[in-house]
C-alpha atoms as a PDB file:
ATOM      1  CA  UNK A   1      47.223   9.032 141.371  1.00  0.00           C
ATOM      2  CA  UNK A   2      48.257  12.630 141.915  1.00  0.00           C
ATOM      3  CA  UNK A   3      51.431  13.680 140.069  1.00  0.00           C
ATOM      4  CA  UNK A   4      53.940  15.542 142.251  1.00  0.00           C
ATOM      5  CA  UNK A   5      56.968  17.329 140.752  1.00  0.00           C
ATOM      6  CA  UNK A   6      59.298  18.816 143.325  1.00  0.00           C
ATOM      7  CA  UNK A   7      61.981  20.295 141.081  1.00  0.00           C
ATOM      8  CA  UNK A   8      62.335  20.943 137.333  1.00  0.00           C
ATOM      9  CA  UNK A   9      63.936  18.683 134.772  1.00  0.00           C
ATOM     10  CA  UNK A  10      67.696  19.312 134.733  1.00  0.00           C
ATOM     11  CA  UNK A  11      69.644  19.328 131.481  1.00  0.00           C
ATOM     12  CA  UNK A  12      73.207  20.387 130.741  1.00  0.00           C
ATOM     13  CA  UNK A  13      75.547  20.324 127.784  1.00  0.00           C
ATOM     14  CA  UNK A  14      79.072  21.442 127.142  1.00  0.00           C
ATOM     15  CA  UNK A  15      80.956  21.567 123.889  1.00  0.00           C
ATOM     16  CA  UNK A  16      83.845  23.062 122.020  1.00  0.00           C
ATOM     17  CA  UNK A  17      84.485  23.809 118.372  1.00  0.00           C
ATOM     18  CA  UNK A  18      87.834  24.066 116.643  1.00  0.00           C
ATOM     19  CA  UNK A  19      88.738  24.574 112.987  1.00  0.00           C
ATOM     20  CA  UNK A  20      88.310  20.912 111.970  1.00  0.00           C
ATOM     21  CA  UNK A  21      86.777  19.309 115.048  1.00  0.00           C
ATOM     22  CA  UNK A  22      83.832  19.842 117.395  1.00  0.00           C
ATOM     23  CA  UNK A  23      82.225  17.911 120.227  1.00  0.00           C
ATOM     24  CA  UNK A  24      79.383  18.182 122.714  1.00  0.00           C
ATOM     25  CA  UNK A  25      78.714  16.259 125.922  1.00  0.00           C
ATOM     26  CA  UNK A  26      75.218  16.303 127.374  1.00  0.00           C
ATOM     27  CA  UNK A  27      73.155  14.900 130.186  1.00  0.00           C
ATOM     28  CA  UNK A  28      69.815  15.218 131.870  1.00  0.00           C
ATOM     29  CA  UNK A  29      67.827  14.081 134.884  1.00  0.00           C
ATOM     30  CA  UNK A  30      64.180  14.241 135.864  1.00  0.00           C
ATOM     31  CA  UNK A  31      62.198  12.689 138.670  1.00  0.00           C
ATOM     32  CA  UNK A  32      58.595  12.911 139.735  1.00  0.00           C
ATOM     33  CA  UNK A  33      56.265  11.027 142.029  1.00  0.00           C
ATOM     34  CA  UNK A  34      52.780   9.783 141.346  1.00  0.00           C
ATOM     35  CA  UNK A  35      51.154   9.810 144.767  1.00  0.00           C
ATOM     36  CA  UNK A  36      48.462   7.510 146.079  1.00  0.00           C
ATOM     37  CA  UNK A  37      48.542   4.849 143.363  1.00  0.00           C
ATOM     38  CA  UNK A  38      46.256   1.964 144.294  1.00  0.00           C
ATOM     39  CA  UNK A  39      47.709  -1.474 143.607  1.00  0.00           C
ATOM     40  CA  UNK A  40      45.303  -3.843 141.874  1.00  0.00           C
ATOM     41  CA  UNK A  41      47.326  -6.730 143.374  1.00  0.00           C
ATOM     42  CA  UNK A  42      46.676  -6.138 147.065  1.00  0.00           C
ATOM     43  CA  UNK A  43      44.693  -2.877 147.202  1.00  0.00           C
ATOM     44  CA  UNK A  44      47.452  -0.982 149.009  1.00  0.00           C
ATOM     45  CA  UNK A  45      48.129   2.681 148.207  1.00  0.00           C
ATOM     46  CA  UNK A  46      51.697   3.663 147.314  1.00  0.00           C
ATOM     47  CA  UNK A  47      53.730   6.542 145.899  1.00  0.00           C
ATOM     48  CA  UNK A  48      55.502   5.610 142.659  1.00  0.00           C
ATOM     49  CA  UNK A  49      58.721   7.438 141.672  1.00  0.00           C
ATOM     50  CA  UNK A  50      59.602   7.743 137.984  1.00  0.00           C
ATOM     51  CA  UNK A  51      63.267   8.638 137.450  1.00  0.00           C
ATOM     52  CA  UNK A  52      64.704   9.508 134.032  1.00  0.00           C
ATOM     53  CA  UNK A  53      68.300  10.170 133.030  1.00  0.00           C
ATOM     54  CA  UNK A  54      70.287  10.584 129.836  1.00  0.00           C
ATOM     55  CA  UNK A  55      73.973  10.793 128.893  1.00  0.00           C
ATOM     56  CA  UNK A  56      75.137  11.554 125.385  1.00  0.00           C
ATOM     57  CA  UNK A  57      78.040  12.693 123.255  1.00  0.00           C
ATOM     58  CA  UNK A  58      78.433  13.914 119.699  1.00  0.00           C
ATOM     59  CA  UNK A  59      81.248  15.176 117.581  1.00  0.00           C
ATOM     60  CA  UNK A  60      82.413  15.863 114.077  1.00  0.00           C
ATOM     61  CA  UNK A  61      85.552  16.123 111.950  1.00  0.00           C
ATOM     62  CA  UNK A  62      86.048  18.116 108.747  1.00  0.00           C
ATOM     63  CA  UNK A  63      88.683  16.994 106.237  1.00  0.00           C
ATOM     64  CA  UNK A  64      88.647  19.671 103.581  1.00  0.00           C
ATOM     65  CA  UNK A  65      85.436  19.021 101.618  1.00  0.00           C
ATOM     66  CA  UNK A  66      84.654  15.784 103.527  1.00  0.00           C
ATOM     67  CA  UNK A  67      83.125  15.417 106.971  1.00  0.00           C
ATOM     68  CA  UNK A  68      82.275  12.720 109.515  1.00  0.00           C
ATOM     69  CA  UNK A  69      79.856  13.143 112.426  1.00  0.00           C
ATOM     70  CA  UNK A  70      78.857  10.721 115.176  1.00  0.00           C
ATOM     71  CA  UNK A  71      76.559  10.675 118.190  1.00  0.00           C
ATOM     72  CA  UNK A  72      75.732   8.180 120.947  1.00  0.00           C
ATOM     73  CA  UNK A  73      73.444   8.152 123.983  1.00  0.00           C
ATOM     74  CA  UNK A  74      72.134   6.011 126.787  1.00  0.00           C
ATOM     75  CA  UNK A  75      68.955   6.742 128.704  1.00  0.00           C
ATOM     76  CA  UNK A  76      66.469   5.379 131.186  1.00  0.00           C
ATOM     77  CA  UNK A  77      62.783   6.314 130.803  1.00  0.00           C
ATOM     78  CA  UNK A  78      63.643   8.973 128.210  1.00  0.00           C
ATOM     79  CA  UNK A  79      60.062   9.197 126.991  1.00  0.00           C
ATOM     80  CA  UNK A  80      58.849  10.099 130.485  1.00  0.00           C
ATOM     81  CA  UNK A  81      61.168  13.123 130.408  1.00  0.00           C
ATOM     82  CA  UNK A  82      60.099  14.124 126.890  1.00  0.00           C
ATOM     83  CA  UNK A  83      63.512  13.686 125.273  1.00  0.00           C
ATOM     84  CA  UNK A  84      62.803  13.379 121.563  1.00  0.00           C
ATOM     85  CA  UNK A  85      65.522  10.859 120.711  1.00  0.00           C
ATOM     86  CA  UNK A  86      64.044   8.303 123.124  1.00  0.00           C
ATOM     87  CA  UNK A  87      60.278   7.935 123.061  1.00  0.00           C
ATOM     88  CA  UNK A  88      60.384   4.813 125.212  1.00  0.00           C
ATOM     89  CA  UNK A  89      58.866   5.234 128.659  1.00  0.00           C
ATOM     90  CA  UNK A  90      58.920   3.344 131.902  1.00  0.00           C
ATOM     91  CA  UNK A  91      55.537   2.067 132.970  1.00  0.00           C
ATOM     92  CA  UNK A  92      53.638   1.227 136.143  1.00  0.00           C
ATOM     93  CA  UNK A  93      54.319  -2.395 137.097  1.00  0.00           C
ATOM     94  CA  UNK A  94      50.746  -2.944 138.269  1.00  0.00           C
ATOM     95  CA  UNK A  95      51.693  -3.084 141.935  1.00  0.00           C
ATOM     96  CA  UNK A  96      53.938  -0.518 143.639  1.00  0.00           C
ATOM     97  CA  UNK A  97      56.826   0.353 141.339  1.00  0.00           C
ATOM     98  CA  UNK A  98      57.889   1.225 137.775  1.00  0.00           C
ATOM     99  CA  UNK A  99      59.270  -1.102 135.111  1.00  0.00           C
ATOM    100  CA  UNK A 100      62.227   0.920 133.785  1.00  0.00           C
ATOM    101  CA  UNK A 101      62.886   1.308 130.049  1.00  0.00           C
ATOM    102  CA  UNK A 102      66.599   1.253 129.229  1.00  0.00           C
ATOM    103  CA  UNK A 103      67.644   2.704 125.856  1.00  0.00           C
ATOM    104  CA  UNK A 104      70.842   3.305 123.950  1.00  0.00           C
ATOM    105  CA  UNK A 105      71.662   4.294 120.419  1.00  0.00           C
ATOM    106  CA  UNK A 106      74.009   5.992 118.071  1.00  0.00           C
ATOM    107  CA  UNK A 107      74.499   7.337 114.584  1.00  0.00           C
ATOM    108  CA  UNK A 108      77.335   8.032 112.187  1.00  0.00           C
ATOM    109  CA  UNK A 109      77.205  10.292 109.140  1.00  0.00           C
ATOM    110  CA  UNK A 110      79.781  10.903 106.423  1.00  0.00           C
ATOM    111  CA  UNK A 111      79.566  13.381 103.601  1.00  0.00           C
ATOM    112  CA  UNK A 112      81.346  15.210 100.837  1.00  0.00           C
ATOM    113  CA  UNK A 113      80.837  18.828  99.728  1.00  0.00           C
ATOM    114  CA  UNK A 114      81.286  18.606  95.958  1.00  0.00           C
ATOM    115  CA  UNK A 115      80.667  22.336  95.549  1.00  0.00           C
ATOM    116  CA  UNK A 116      78.780  25.165  97.242  1.00  0.00           C
ATOM    117  CA  UNK A 117      75.692  23.840  95.465  1.00  0.00           C
ATOM    118  CA  UNK A 118      75.908  20.060  96.027  1.00  0.00           C
ATOM    119  CA  UNK A 119      76.606  18.065  99.201  1.00  0.00           C
ATOM    120  CA  UNK A 120      76.360  14.259  99.338  1.00  0.00           C
ATOM    121  CA  UNK A 121      75.731  12.502 102.657  1.00  0.00           C
ATOM    122  CA  UNK A 122      75.167   8.976 103.942  1.00  0.00           C
ATOM    123  CA  UNK A 123      74.604   7.630 107.387  1.00  0.00           C
ATOM    124  CA  UNK A 124      73.504   4.859 109.688  1.00  0.00           C
ATOM    125  CA  UNK A 125      71.710   4.872 113.009  1.00  0.00           C
ATOM    126  CA  UNK A 126      70.808   2.243 115.593  1.00  0.00           C
ATOM    127  CA  UNK A 127      68.522   2.247 118.634  1.00  0.00           C
ATOM    128  CA  UNK A 128      67.828  -0.395 121.283  1.00  0.00           C
ATOM    129  CA  UNK A 129      65.081  -0.301 123.938  1.00  0.00           C
ATOM    130  CA  UNK A 130      64.603  -2.906 126.622  1.00  0.00           C
ATOM    131  CA  UNK A 131      62.012  -3.022 129.365  1.00  0.00           C
ATOM    132  CA  UNK A 132      63.722  -4.002 132.617  1.00  0.00           C
ATOM    133  CA  UNK A 133      61.402  -6.958 133.246  1.00  0.00           C
ATOM    134  CA  UNK A 134      62.342 -10.616 133.414  1.00  0.00           C
ATOM    135  CA  UNK A 135      61.756 -12.243 130.027  1.00  0.00           C
ATOM    136  CA  UNK A 136      61.266  -8.969 128.101  1.00  0.00           C
ATOM    137  CA  UNK A 137      62.755  -8.890 124.606  1.00  0.00           C
ATOM    138  CA  UNK A 138      64.810  -6.052 123.152  1.00  0.00           C
ATOM    139  CA  UNK A 139      63.220  -3.744 120.616  1.00  0.00           C
ATOM    140  CA  UNK A 140      65.754  -2.680 117.991  1.00  0.00           C
ATOM    141  CA  UNK A 141      65.780  -0.572 114.863  1.00  0.00           C
ATOM    142  CA  UNK A 142      68.399   0.479 112.353  1.00  0.00           C
ATOM    143  CA  UNK A 143      68.311   2.968 109.497  1.00  0.00           C
ATOM    144  CA  UNK A 144      70.643   3.556 106.550  1.00  0.00           C
ATOM    145  CA  UNK A 145      70.304   6.501 104.158  1.00  0.00           C
ATOM    146  CA  UNK A 146      71.922   8.350 101.247  1.00  0.00           C
ATOM    147  CA  UNK A 147      70.974  11.895 100.320  1.00  0.00           C
ATOM    148  CA  UNK A 148      72.085  14.901  98.346  1.00  0.00           C
ATOM    149  CA  UNK A 149      71.528  18.531  99.302  1.00  0.00           C
ATOM    150  CA  UNK A 150      71.236  20.611  96.160  1.00  0.00           C
ATOM    151  CA  UNK A 151      71.176  24.402  96.560  1.00  0.00           C
ATOM    152  CA  UNK A 152      69.420  25.732  93.473  1.00  0.00           C
ATOM    153  CA  UNK A 153      69.645  29.392  94.554  1.00  0.00           C
ATOM    154  CA  UNK A 154      70.342  31.145  97.871  1.00  0.00           C
ATOM    155  CA  UNK A 155      67.687  29.819 100.250  1.00  0.00           C
ATOM    156  CA  UNK A 156      66.237  27.310  97.744  1.00  0.00           C
ATOM    157  CA  UNK A 157      67.091  23.648  98.395  1.00  0.00           C
ATOM    158  CA  UNK A 158      66.038  20.219  97.226  1.00  0.00           C
ATOM    159  CA  UNK A 159      67.099  17.103  99.098  1.00  0.00           C
ATOM    160  CA  UNK A 160      66.464  13.700  97.462  1.00  0.00           C
ATOM    161  CA  UNK A 161      66.940  10.731  99.811  1.00  0.00           C
ATOM    162  CA  UNK A 162      66.795   6.953  99.680  1.00  0.00           C
ATOM    163  CA  UNK A 163      66.904   4.819 102.787  1.00  0.00           C
ATOM    164  CA  UNK A 164      66.298   1.505 104.468  1.00  0.00           C
ATOM    165  CA  UNK A 165      64.770   0.933 107.909  1.00  0.00           C
ATOM    166  CA  UNK A 166      64.946  -2.444 109.684  1.00  0.00           C
ATOM    167  CA  UNK A 167      62.816  -2.831 112.805  1.00  0.00           C
ATOM    168  CA  UNK A 168      64.351  -6.249 113.675  1.00  0.00           C
ATOM    169  CA  UNK A 169      62.221  -7.944 116.345  1.00  0.00           C
ATOM    170  CA  UNK A 170      59.666  -6.226 118.561  1.00  0.00           C
ATOM    171  CA  UNK A 171      59.426  -6.528 122.354  1.00  0.00           C
ATOM    172  CA  UNK A 172      57.680  -9.904 121.973  1.00  0.00           C
ATOM    173  CA  UNK A 173      60.447 -11.357 119.796  1.00  0.00           C
ATOM    174  CA  UNK A 174      58.359 -11.208 116.580  1.00  0.00           C
ATOM    175  CA  UNK A 175      59.775  -9.856 113.308  1.00  0.00           C
ATOM    176  CA  UNK A 176      58.698  -6.218 113.120  1.00  0.00           C
ATOM    177  CA  UNK A 177      59.529  -5.832 109.419  1.00  0.00           C
ATOM    178  CA  UNK A 178      61.562  -3.436 107.335  1.00  0.00           C
ATOM    179  CA  UNK A 179      61.006  -0.739 104.723  1.00  0.00           C
ATOM    180  CA  UNK A 180      62.759   0.979 101.844  1.00  0.00           C
ATOM    181  CA  UNK A 181      61.856   4.592 101.165  1.00  0.00           C
ATOM    182  CA  UNK A 182      62.587   7.156  98.478  1.00  0.00           C
ATOM    183  CA  UNK A 183      61.625  10.793  98.652  1.00  0.00           C
ATOM    184  CA  UNK A 184      62.674  14.398  98.299  1.00  0.00           C
ATOM    185  CA  UNK A 185      62.209  17.559 100.311  1.00  0.00           C
ATOM    186  CA  UNK A 186      61.860  21.018  98.792  1.00  0.00           C
ATOM    187  CA  UNK A 187      62.674  23.984 101.014  1.00  0.00           C
ATOM    188  CA  UNK A 188      62.589  27.724 100.462  1.00  0.00           C
ATOM    189  CA  UNK A 189      64.022  29.924 103.204  1.00  0.00           C
ATOM    190  CA  UNK A 190      62.618  33.463 103.442  1.00  0.00           C
END
């Protein structure tokens, strides 16, 4: 079919920051039409609309050297709009419409600034995607991590991290596995 976009993707956010607290609210919407899609079911030609939206919130608290941050979102067809947190896309249903992909997720992070040179942090995140089709299974994943940010000199950082990722079950209901990882990132800012 021929893709037809009649207005740009809309995105907005609003936030405030105080001494020990900050928050941001965000949202987005995109729609486009794929014109003249031929249905393999009955041979008819239809226009298929793909609508995407997203709502999200994030915030953080500082308690002296400690901090807590959290974020949550919900989206439909986020991958179609190119939103990086949600790569899941709606797809053509093979006839005259789109099977929508509903997603939601969140994360929480807590940390402690031991000194100007060392910050410890740990967090957890969760994401759920479900194709809006009768009998479709949820696709879930969760990640836990611990890391340290060590500033060796101004602009020179090393960040060791250990984590665990559980992919739960895939969209077919089969175990998708899990993984433990250990690594470190070196960074020099010029």
